[in-house]
Structure formats: C-alpha cells, structure tokens
Amino acid sequence: MGKVKIYISGPIAHYDLHERKHAFLMAKERLESQGYDPVNPFDNGVPDNAHWREHMRADIAMLLRSEERRVGKECRKRGRW
C-alpha cells in the first residue's frame, strides 16, 4: 500500500503570501518526514496572480483526490489563525 495522501489546509487569502507559502512548505516537509504524501495547494499549477476561483477549482480537485485533510498547527504561525 502507498503512502496516505494528505491535503494541507489553512488560510491563505488576506495573509502575507510569502509567509503562507513558507508555512505550507514547512507542513509539507513535516508530513513527508512522517511518511505521508502531502498535497500542498500552492502546488496546484495555477499562477499566483490567477483569480481566486481558479485556485479554488484546482484546490478542491486536489482535496477530493486526498485520503485525509490536515488543518492545524502545521500551517499556523504564532497563533495568527
């Protein structure tokens, strides 16, 4: 059996994009070190400047292909959310 695919979820809109990318990357690396196959919404193939609806379409498709969803301290920074 392959690795469990986990979608990393957390707030992105209205936050510093660079900080969010870093937080999601840290979550991805942590999950990989625990033996998971993390799915990072920043890897959705949609350009950063695309309309948020395009990002949501791609992200929801990625979410539906994942076995688990992960929300929480993996994506938090100093309790901002």
PDB file of N, CA and C in Angstrom:
ATOM      1  N   MET A   1       0.840  -1.190   0.000  1.00  0.00           N
ATOM      2  CA  MET A   1       0.000   0.000   0.000  1.00  0.00           C
ATOM      3  C   MET A   1       0.878   1.244   0.000  1.00  0.00           C
ATOM      4  N   GLY A   2       0.481   2.273  -0.747  1.00  0.00           N
ATOM      5  CA  GLY A   2       1.253   3.504  -0.852  1.00  0.00           C
ATOM      6  C   GLY A   2       1.062   4.406   0.352  1.00  0.00           C
ATOM      7  N   LYS A   3       1.722   5.507   0.311  1.00  0.00           N
ATOM      8  CA  LYS A   3       1.618   6.499   1.378  1.00  0.00           C
ATOM      9  C   LYS A   3       0.239   7.142   1.379  1.00  0.00           C
ATOM     10  N   VAL A   4      -0.225   7.517   2.555  1.00  0.00           N
ATOM     11  CA  VAL A   4      -1.506   8.202   2.681  1.00  0.00           C
ATOM     12  C   VAL A   4      -1.344   9.633   2.173  1.00  0.00           C
ATOM     13  N   LYS A   5      -2.222  10.022   1.265  1.00  0.00           N
ATOM     14  CA  LYS A   5      -2.192  11.360   0.679  1.00  0.00           C
ATOM     15  C   LYS A   5      -3.002  12.302   1.568  1.00  0.00           C
ATOM     16  N   ILE A   6      -2.343  13.331   2.087  1.00  0.00           N
ATOM     17  CA  ILE A   6      -2.980  14.291   2.991  1.00  0.00           C
ATOM     18  C   ILE A   6      -2.962  15.679   2.370  1.00  0.00           C
ATOM     19  N   TYR A   7      -4.140  16.295   2.289  1.00  0.00           N
ATOM     20  CA  TYR A   7      -4.266  17.662   1.787  1.00  0.00           C
ATOM     21  C   TYR A   7      -3.995  18.631   2.935  1.00  0.00           C
ATOM     22  N   ILE A   8      -3.061  19.541   2.738  1.00  0.00           N
ATOM     23  CA  ILE A   8      -2.734  20.545   3.752  1.00  0.00           C
ATOM     24  C   ILE A   8      -3.672  21.732   3.567  1.00  0.00           C
ATOM     25  N   SER A   9      -4.417  22.055   4.594  1.00  0.00           N
ATOM     26  CA  SER A   9      -5.395  23.127   4.506  1.00  0.00           C
ATOM     27  C   SER A   9      -5.083  24.205   5.540  1.00  0.00           C
ATOM     28  N   GLY A  10      -5.304  25.429   5.162  1.00  0.00           N
ATOM     29  CA  GLY A  10      -5.097  26.552   6.071  1.00  0.00           C
ATOM     30  C   GLY A  10      -5.433  27.840   5.350  1.00  0.00           C
ATOM     31  N   PRO A  11      -5.515  28.935   6.099  1.00  0.00           N
ATOM     32  CA  PRO A  11      -5.865  30.210   5.475  1.00  0.00           C
ATOM     33  C   PRO A  11      -4.760  30.714   4.568  1.00  0.00           C
ATOM     34  N   ILE A  12      -5.160  31.310   3.461  1.00  0.00           N
ATOM     35  CA  ILE A  12      -4.205  31.896   2.522  1.00  0.00           C
ATOM     36  C   ILE A  12      -4.613  33.337   2.212  1.00  0.00           C
ATOM     37  N   ALA A  13      -5.881  33.536   1.830  1.00  0.00           N
ATOM     38  CA  ALA A  13      -6.359  34.867   1.456  1.00  0.00           C
ATOM     39  C   ALA A  13      -6.213  35.839   2.629  1.00  0.00           C
ATOM     40  N   HIS A  14      -5.853  37.064   2.304  1.00  0.00           N
ATOM     41  CA  HIS A  14      -5.731  38.155   3.276  1.00  0.00           C
ATOM     42  C   HIS A  14      -4.543  38.003   4.214  1.00  0.00           C
ATOM     43  N   TYR A  15      -3.622  37.103   3.892  1.00  0.00           N
ATOM     44  CA  TYR A  15      -2.393  36.932   4.655  1.00  0.00           C
ATOM     45  C   TYR A  15      -1.212  37.204   3.730  1.00  0.00           C
ATOM     46  N   ASP A  16      -0.049  37.388   4.308  1.00  0.00           N
ATOM     47  CA  ASP A  16       1.163  37.575   3.533  1.00  0.00           C
ATOM     48  C   ASP A  16       1.435  36.294   2.742  1.00  0.00           C
ATOM     49  N   LEU A  17       1.452  36.380   1.422  1.00  0.00           N
ATOM     50  CA  LEU A  17       1.583  35.196   0.566  1.00  0.00           C
ATOM     51  C   LEU A  17       2.917  34.484   0.785  1.00  0.00           C
ATOM     52  N   HIS A  18       3.992  35.237   0.931  1.00  0.00           N
ATOM     53  CA  HIS A  18       5.305  34.630   1.159  1.00  0.00           C
ATOM     54  C   HIS A  18       5.308  33.835   2.473  1.00  0.00           C
ATOM     55  N   GLU A  19       4.731  34.397   3.507  1.00  0.00           N
ATOM     56  CA  GLU A  19       4.672  33.706   4.803  1.00  0.00           C
ATOM     57  C   GLU A  19       3.825  32.443   4.708  1.00  0.00           C
ATOM     58  N   ARG A  20       2.704  32.526   3.987  1.00  0.00           N
ATOM     59  CA  ARG A  20       1.823  31.364   3.838  1.00  0.00           C
ATOM     60  C   ARG A  20       2.526  30.249   3.070  1.00  0.00           C
ATOM     61  N   LYS A  21       3.223  30.603   1.989  1.00  0.00           N
ATOM     62  CA  LYS A  21       3.952  29.591   1.223  1.00  0.00           C
ATOM     63  C   LYS A  21       4.982  28.898   2.104  1.00  0.00           C
ATOM     64  N   HIS A  22       5.664  29.679   2.927  1.00  0.00           N
ATOM     65  CA  HIS A  22       6.664  29.100   3.828  1.00  0.00           C
ATOM     66  C   HIS A  22       6.004  28.160   4.842  1.00  0.00           C
ATOM     67  N   ALA A  23       4.892  28.586   5.437  1.00  0.00           N
ATOM     68  CA  ALA A  23       4.192  27.757   6.426  1.00  0.00           C
ATOM     69  C   ALA A  23       3.713  26.442   5.806  1.00  0.00           C
ATOM     70  N   PHE A  24       3.174  26.510   4.594  1.00  0.00           N
ATOM     71  CA  PHE A  24       2.696  25.302   3.927  1.00  0.00           C
ATOM     72  C   PHE A  24       3.853  24.393   3.528  1.00  0.00           C
ATOM     73  N   LEU A  25       4.972  24.985   3.134  1.00  0.00           N
ATOM     74  CA  LEU A  25       6.156  24.194   2.811  1.00  0.00           C
ATOM     75  C   LEU A  25       6.671  23.465   4.050  1.00  0.00           C
ATOM     76  N   MET A  26       6.685  24.156   5.195  1.00  0.00           N
ATOM     77  CA  MET A  26       7.127  23.528   6.441  1.00  0.00           C
ATOM     78  C   MET A  26       6.194  22.363   6.813  1.00  0.00           C
ATOM     79  N   ALA A  27       4.887  22.560   6.621  1.00  0.00           N
ATOM     80  CA  ALA A  27       3.926  21.488   6.899  1.00  0.00           C
ATOM     81  C   ALA A  27       4.175  20.307   5.966  1.00  0.00           C
ATOM     82  N   LYS A  28       4.433  20.602   4.701  1.00  0.00           N
ATOM     83  CA  LYS A  28       4.691  19.538   3.716  1.00  0.00           C
ATOM     84  C   LYS A  28       5.929  18.733   4.115  1.00  0.00           C
ATOM     85  N   GLU A  29       6.985  19.427   4.471  1.00  0.00           N
ATOM     86  CA  GLU A  29       8.216  18.740   4.860  1.00  0.00           C
ATOM     87  C   GLU A  29       8.016  17.904   6.128  1.00  0.00           C
ATOM     88  N   ARG A  30       7.266  18.432   7.084  1.00  0.00           N
ATOM     89  CA  ARG A  30       6.997  17.691   8.319  1.00  0.00           C
ATOM     90  C   ARG A  30       6.202  16.421   8.025  1.00  0.00           C
ATOM     91  N   LEU A  31       5.179  16.537   7.185  1.00  0.00           N
ATOM     92  CA  LEU A  31       4.358  15.372   6.849  1.00  0.00           C
ATOM     93  C   LEU A  31       5.161  14.337   6.057  1.00  0.00           C
ATOM     94  N   GLU A  32       6.015  14.795   5.152  1.00  0.00           N
ATOM     95  CA  GLU A  32       6.871  13.865   4.408  1.00  0.00           C
ATOM     96  C   GLU A  32       7.783  13.097   5.358  1.00  0.00           C
ATOM     97  N   SER A  33       8.316  13.789   6.359  1.00  0.00           N
ATOM     98  CA  SER A  33       9.214  13.128   7.318  1.00  0.00           C
ATOM     99  C   SER A  33       8.472  12.098   8.172  1.00  0.00           C
ATOM    100  N   GLN A  34       7.137  12.221   8.230  1.00  0.00           N
ATOM    101  CA  GLN A  34       6.318  11.272   8.988  1.00  0.00           C
ATOM    102  C   GLN A  34       5.778  10.151   8.101  1.00  0.00           C
ATOM    103  N   GLY A  35       6.190  10.139   6.833  1.00  0.00           N
ATOM    104  CA  GLY A  35       5.803   9.056   5.939  1.00  0.00           C
ATOM    105  C   GLY A  35       4.546   9.290   5.129  1.00  0.00           C
ATOM    106  N   TYR A  36       4.020  10.505   5.124  1.00  0.00           N
ATOM    107  CA  TYR A  36       2.821  10.827   4.349  1.00  0.00           C
ATOM    108  C   TYR A  36       3.194  11.360   2.971  1.00  0.00           C
ATOM    109  N   ASP A  37       2.203  11.435   2.091  1.00  0.00           N
ATOM    110  CA  ASP A  37       2.321  12.062   0.781  1.00  0.00           C
ATOM    111  C   ASP A  37       1.495  13.348   0.825  1.00  0.00           C
ATOM    112  N   PRO A  38       2.094  14.462   1.280  1.00  0.00           N
ATOM    113  CA  PRO A  38       1.320  15.691   1.448  1.00  0.00           C
ATOM    114  C   PRO A  38       0.958  16.359   0.126  1.00  0.00           C
ATOM    115  N   VAL A  39      -0.217  16.959   0.099  1.00  0.00           N
ATOM    116  CA  VAL A  39      -0.719  17.684  -1.066  1.00  0.00           C
ATOM    117  C   VAL A  39      -0.784  19.153  -0.664  1.00  0.00           C
ATOM    118  N   ASN A  40       0.067  19.961  -1.281  1.00  0.00           N
ATOM    119  CA  ASN A  40       0.169  21.375  -0.950  1.00  0.00           C
ATOM    120  C   ASN A  40      -0.625  22.191  -1.970  1.00  0.00           C
ATOM    121  N   PRO A  41      -1.623  22.984  -1.544  1.00  0.00           N
ATOM    122  CA  PRO A  41      -2.411  23.759  -2.500  1.00  0.00           C
ATOM    123  C   PRO A  41      -1.583  24.760  -3.295  1.00  0.00           C
ATOM    124  N   PHE A  42      -0.401  25.125  -2.807  1.00  0.00           N
ATOM    125  CA  PHE A  42       0.458  26.016  -3.585  1.00  0.00           C
ATOM    126  C   PHE A  42       1.080  25.303  -4.783  1.00  0.00           C
ATOM    127  N   ASP A  43       0.940  23.979  -4.835  1.00  0.00           N
ATOM    128  CA  ASP A  43       1.439  23.193  -5.962  1.00  0.00           C
ATOM    129  C   ASP A  43       0.304  22.834  -6.924  1.00  0.00           C
ATOM    130  N   ASN A  44      -0.720  23.703  -7.006  1.00  0.00           N
ATOM    131  CA  ASN A  44      -1.899  23.383  -7.820  1.00  0.00           C
ATOM    132  C   ASN A  44      -1.729  23.679  -9.306  1.00  0.00           C
ATOM    133  N   GLY A  45      -0.596  24.252  -9.701  1.00  0.00           N
ATOM    134  CA  GLY A  45      -0.338  24.531 -11.105  1.00  0.00           C
ATOM    135  C   GLY A  45      -0.971  25.806 -11.632  1.00  0.00           C
ATOM    136  N   VAL A  46      -1.670  26.533 -10.764  1.00  0.00           N
ATOM    137  CA  VAL A  46      -2.325  27.780 -11.164  1.00  0.00           C
ATOM    138  C   VAL A  46      -1.391  28.945 -10.816  1.00  0.00           C
ATOM    139  N   PRO A  47      -1.205  29.894 -11.727  1.00  0.00           N
ATOM    140  CA  PRO A  47      -0.335  31.043 -11.424  1.00  0.00           C
ATOM    141  C   PRO A  47      -0.834  31.827 -10.205  1.00  0.00           C
ATOM    142  N   ASP A  48       0.103  32.356  -9.435  1.00  0.00           N
ATOM    143  CA  ASP A  48      -0.257  33.113  -8.231  1.00  0.00           C
ATOM    144  C   ASP A  48      -1.231  34.244  -8.510  1.00  0.00           C
ATOM    145  N   ASN A  49      -1.105  34.887  -9.678  1.00  0.00           N
ATOM    146  CA  ASN A  49      -1.944  36.049  -9.979  1.00  0.00           C
ATOM    147  C   ASN A  49      -3.290  35.685 -10.605  1.00  0.00           C
ATOM    148  N   ALA A  50      -3.607  34.405 -10.713  1.00  0.00           N
ATOM    149  CA  ALA A  50      -4.909  33.987 -11.270  1.00  0.00           C
ATOM    150  C   ALA A  50      -6.029  34.332 -10.284  1.00  0.00           C
ATOM    151  N   HIS A  51      -7.231  34.422 -10.800  1.00  0.00           N
ATOM    152  CA  HIS A  51      -8.407  34.713  -9.971  1.00  0.00           C
ATOM    153  C   HIS A  51      -8.559  33.632  -8.908  1.00  0.00           C
ATOM    154  N   TRP A  52      -9.040  34.027  -7.731  1.00  0.00           N
ATOM    155  CA  TRP A  52      -9.167  33.072  -6.630  1.00  0.00           C
ATOM    156  C   TRP A  52     -10.071  31.899  -6.986  1.00  0.00           C
ATOM    157  N   ARG A  53     -11.042  32.091  -7.893  1.00  0.00           N
ATOM    158  CA  ARG A  53     -11.923  30.981  -8.283  1.00  0.00           C
ATOM    159  C   ARG A  53     -11.142  29.871  -8.991  1.00  0.00           C
ATOM    160  N   GLU A  54     -10.166  30.258  -9.805  1.00  0.00           N
ATOM    161  CA  GLU A  54      -9.330  29.253 -10.476  1.00  0.00           C
ATOM    162  C   GLU A  54      -8.545  28.445  -9.444  1.00  0.00           C
ATOM    163  N   HIS A  55      -8.021  29.148  -8.436  1.00  0.00           N
ATOM    164  CA  HIS A  55      -7.294  28.452  -7.373  1.00  0.00           C
ATOM    165  C   HIS A  55      -8.223  27.502  -6.621  1.00  0.00           C
ATOM    166  N   MET A  56      -9.427  27.959  -6.309  1.00  0.00           N
ATOM    167  CA  MET A  56     -10.367  27.112  -5.570  1.00  0.00           C
ATOM    168  C   MET A  56     -10.748  25.861  -6.371  1.00  0.00           C
ATOM    169  N   ARG A  57     -10.978  26.001  -7.664  1.00  0.00           N
ATOM    170  CA  ARG A  57     -11.299  24.831  -8.502  1.00  0.00           C
ATOM    171  C   ARG A  57     -10.180  23.797  -8.443  1.00  0.00           C
ATOM    172  N   ALA A  58      -8.962  24.267  -8.617  1.00  0.00           N
ATOM    173  CA  ALA A  58      -7.809  23.358  -8.599  1.00  0.00           C
ATOM    174  C   ALA A  58      -7.615  22.760  -7.205  1.00  0.00           C
ATOM    175  N   ASP A  59      -7.761  23.587  -6.174  1.00  0.00           N
ATOM    176  CA  ASP A  59      -7.552  23.119  -4.805  1.00  0.00           C
ATOM    177  C   ASP A  59      -8.604  22.088  -4.393  1.00  0.00           C
ATOM    178  N   ILE A  60      -9.854  22.333  -4.764  1.00  0.00           N
ATOM    179  CA  ILE A  60     -10.914  21.379  -4.411  1.00  0.00           C
ATOM    180  C   ILE A  60     -10.691  20.046  -5.118  1.00  0.00           C
ATOM    181  N   ALA A  61     -10.252  20.085  -6.363  1.00  0.00           N
ATOM    182  CA  ALA A  61      -9.949  18.838  -7.079  1.00  0.00           C
ATOM    183  C   ALA A  61      -8.834  18.080  -6.358  1.00  0.00           C
ATOM    184  N   MET A  62      -7.801  18.801  -5.914  1.00  0.00           N
ATOM    185  CA  MET A  62      -6.707  18.163  -5.166  1.00  0.00           C
ATOM    186  C   MET A  62      -7.216  17.588  -3.845  1.00  0.00           C
ATOM    187  N   LEU A  63      -8.069  18.338  -3.182  1.00  0.00           N
ATOM    188  CA  LEU A  63      -8.643  17.906  -1.901  1.00  0.00           C
ATOM    189  C   LEU A  63      -9.433  16.611  -2.066  1.00  0.00           C
ATOM    190  N   LEU A  64     -10.222  16.533  -3.121  1.00  0.00           N
ATOM    191  CA  LEU A  64     -11.054  15.350  -3.331  1.00  0.00           C
ATOM    192  C   LEU A  64     -10.243  14.105  -3.680  1.00  0.00           C
ATOM    193  N   ARG A  65      -9.036  14.291  -4.185  1.00  0.00           N
ATOM    194  CA  ARG A  65      -8.165  13.149  -4.500  1.00  0.00           C
ATOM    195  C   ARG A  65      -7.330  12.703  -3.294  1.00  0.00           C
ATOM    196  N   SER A  66      -7.465  13.388  -2.169  1.00  0.00           N
ATOM    197  CA  SER A  66      -6.687  13.068  -0.968  1.00  0.00           C
ATOM    198  C   SER A  66      -7.505  12.195  -0.027  1.00  0.00           C
ATOM    199  N   GLU A  67      -6.795  11.327   0.701  1.00  0.00           N
ATOM    200  CA  GLU A  67      -7.478  10.463   1.663  1.00  0.00           C
ATOM    201  C   GLU A  67      -7.780  11.180   2.971  1.00  0.00           C
ATOM    202  N   GLU A  68      -6.943  12.131   3.349  1.00  0.00           N
ATOM    203  CA  GLU A  68      -7.113  12.856   4.608  1.00  0.00           C
ATOM    204  C   GLU A  68      -6.902  14.337   4.374  1.00  0.00           C
ATOM    205  N   ARG A  69      -7.395  15.137   5.316  1.00  0.00           N
ATOM    206  CA  ARG A  69      -7.197  16.576   5.277  1.00  0.00           C
ATOM    207  C   ARG A  69      -6.508  16.974   6.566  1.00  0.00           C
ATOM    208  N   ARG A  70      -5.595  17.902   6.507  1.00  0.00           N
ATOM    209  CA  ARG A  70      -4.842  18.298   7.693  1.00  0.00           C
ATOM    210  C   ARG A  70      -4.973  19.798   7.868  1.00  0.00           C
ATOM    211  N   VAL A  71      -5.585  20.205   8.975  1.00  0.00           N
ATOM    212  CA  VAL A  71      -5.699  21.614   9.328  1.00  0.00           C
ATOM    213  C   VAL A  71      -5.149  21.738  10.740  1.00  0.00           C
ATOM    214  N   GLY A  72      -4.393  22.756  10.991  1.00  0.00           N
ATOM    215  CA  GLY A  72      -3.931  22.929  12.357  1.00  0.00           C
ATOM    216  C   GLY A  72      -2.574  23.538  12.450  1.00  0.00           C
ATOM    217  N   LYS A  73      -1.877  23.143  13.519  1.00  0.00           N
ATOM    218  CA  LYS A  73      -0.622  23.810  13.839  1.00  0.00           C
ATOM    219  C   LYS A  73       0.429  23.669  12.751  1.00  0.00           C
ATOM    220  N   GLU A  74       0.289  22.689  11.851  1.00  0.00           N
ATOM    221  CA  GLU A  74       1.255  22.560  10.758  1.00  0.00           C
ATOM    222  C   GLU A  74       1.288  23.820   9.903  1.00  0.00           C
ATOM    223  N   CYS A  75       0.172  24.529   9.819  1.00  0.00           N
ATOM    224  CA  CYS A  75       0.109  25.704   8.953  1.00  0.00           C
ATOM    225  C   CYS A  75       0.023  27.014   9.743  1.00  0.00           C
ATOM    226  N   ARG A  76      -0.019  26.939  11.049  1.00  0.00           N
ATOM    227  CA  ARG A  76      -0.128  28.144  11.871  1.00  0.00           C
ATOM    228  C   ARG A  76       1.214  28.821  12.086  1.00  0.00           C
ATOM    229  N   LYS A  77       1.159  30.083  12.349  1.00  0.00           N
ATOM    230  CA  LYS A  77       2.355  30.810  12.744  1.00  0.00           C
ATOM    231  C   LYS A  77       1.962  31.786  13.827  1.00  0.00           C
ATOM    232  N   ARG A  78       2.473  31.574  14.999  1.00  0.00           N
ATOM    233  CA  ARG A  78       2.230  32.435  16.154  1.00  0.00           C
ATOM    234  C   ARG A  78       0.747  32.685  16.409  1.00  0.00           C
ATOM    235  N   GLY A  79      -0.064  31.662  16.270  1.00  0.00           N
ATOM    236  CA  GLY A  79      -1.482  31.770  16.593  1.00  0.00           C
ATOM    237  C   GLY A  79      -2.255  32.781  15.784  1.00  0.00           C
ATOM    238  N   ARG A  80      -1.804  33.075  14.549  1.00  0.00           N
ATOM    239  CA  ARG A  80      -2.498  34.085  13.740  1.00  0.00           C
ATOM    240  C   ARG A  80      -3.859  33.621  13.264  1.00  0.00           C
ATOM    241  N   TRP A  81      -4.158  32.344  13.345  1.00  0.00           N
ATOM    242  CA  TRP A  81      -5.487  31.861  12.926  1.00  0.00           C
ATOM    243  C   TRP A  81      -5.920  30.710  13.754  1.00  0.00           C
TER     244      TRP A  81
END
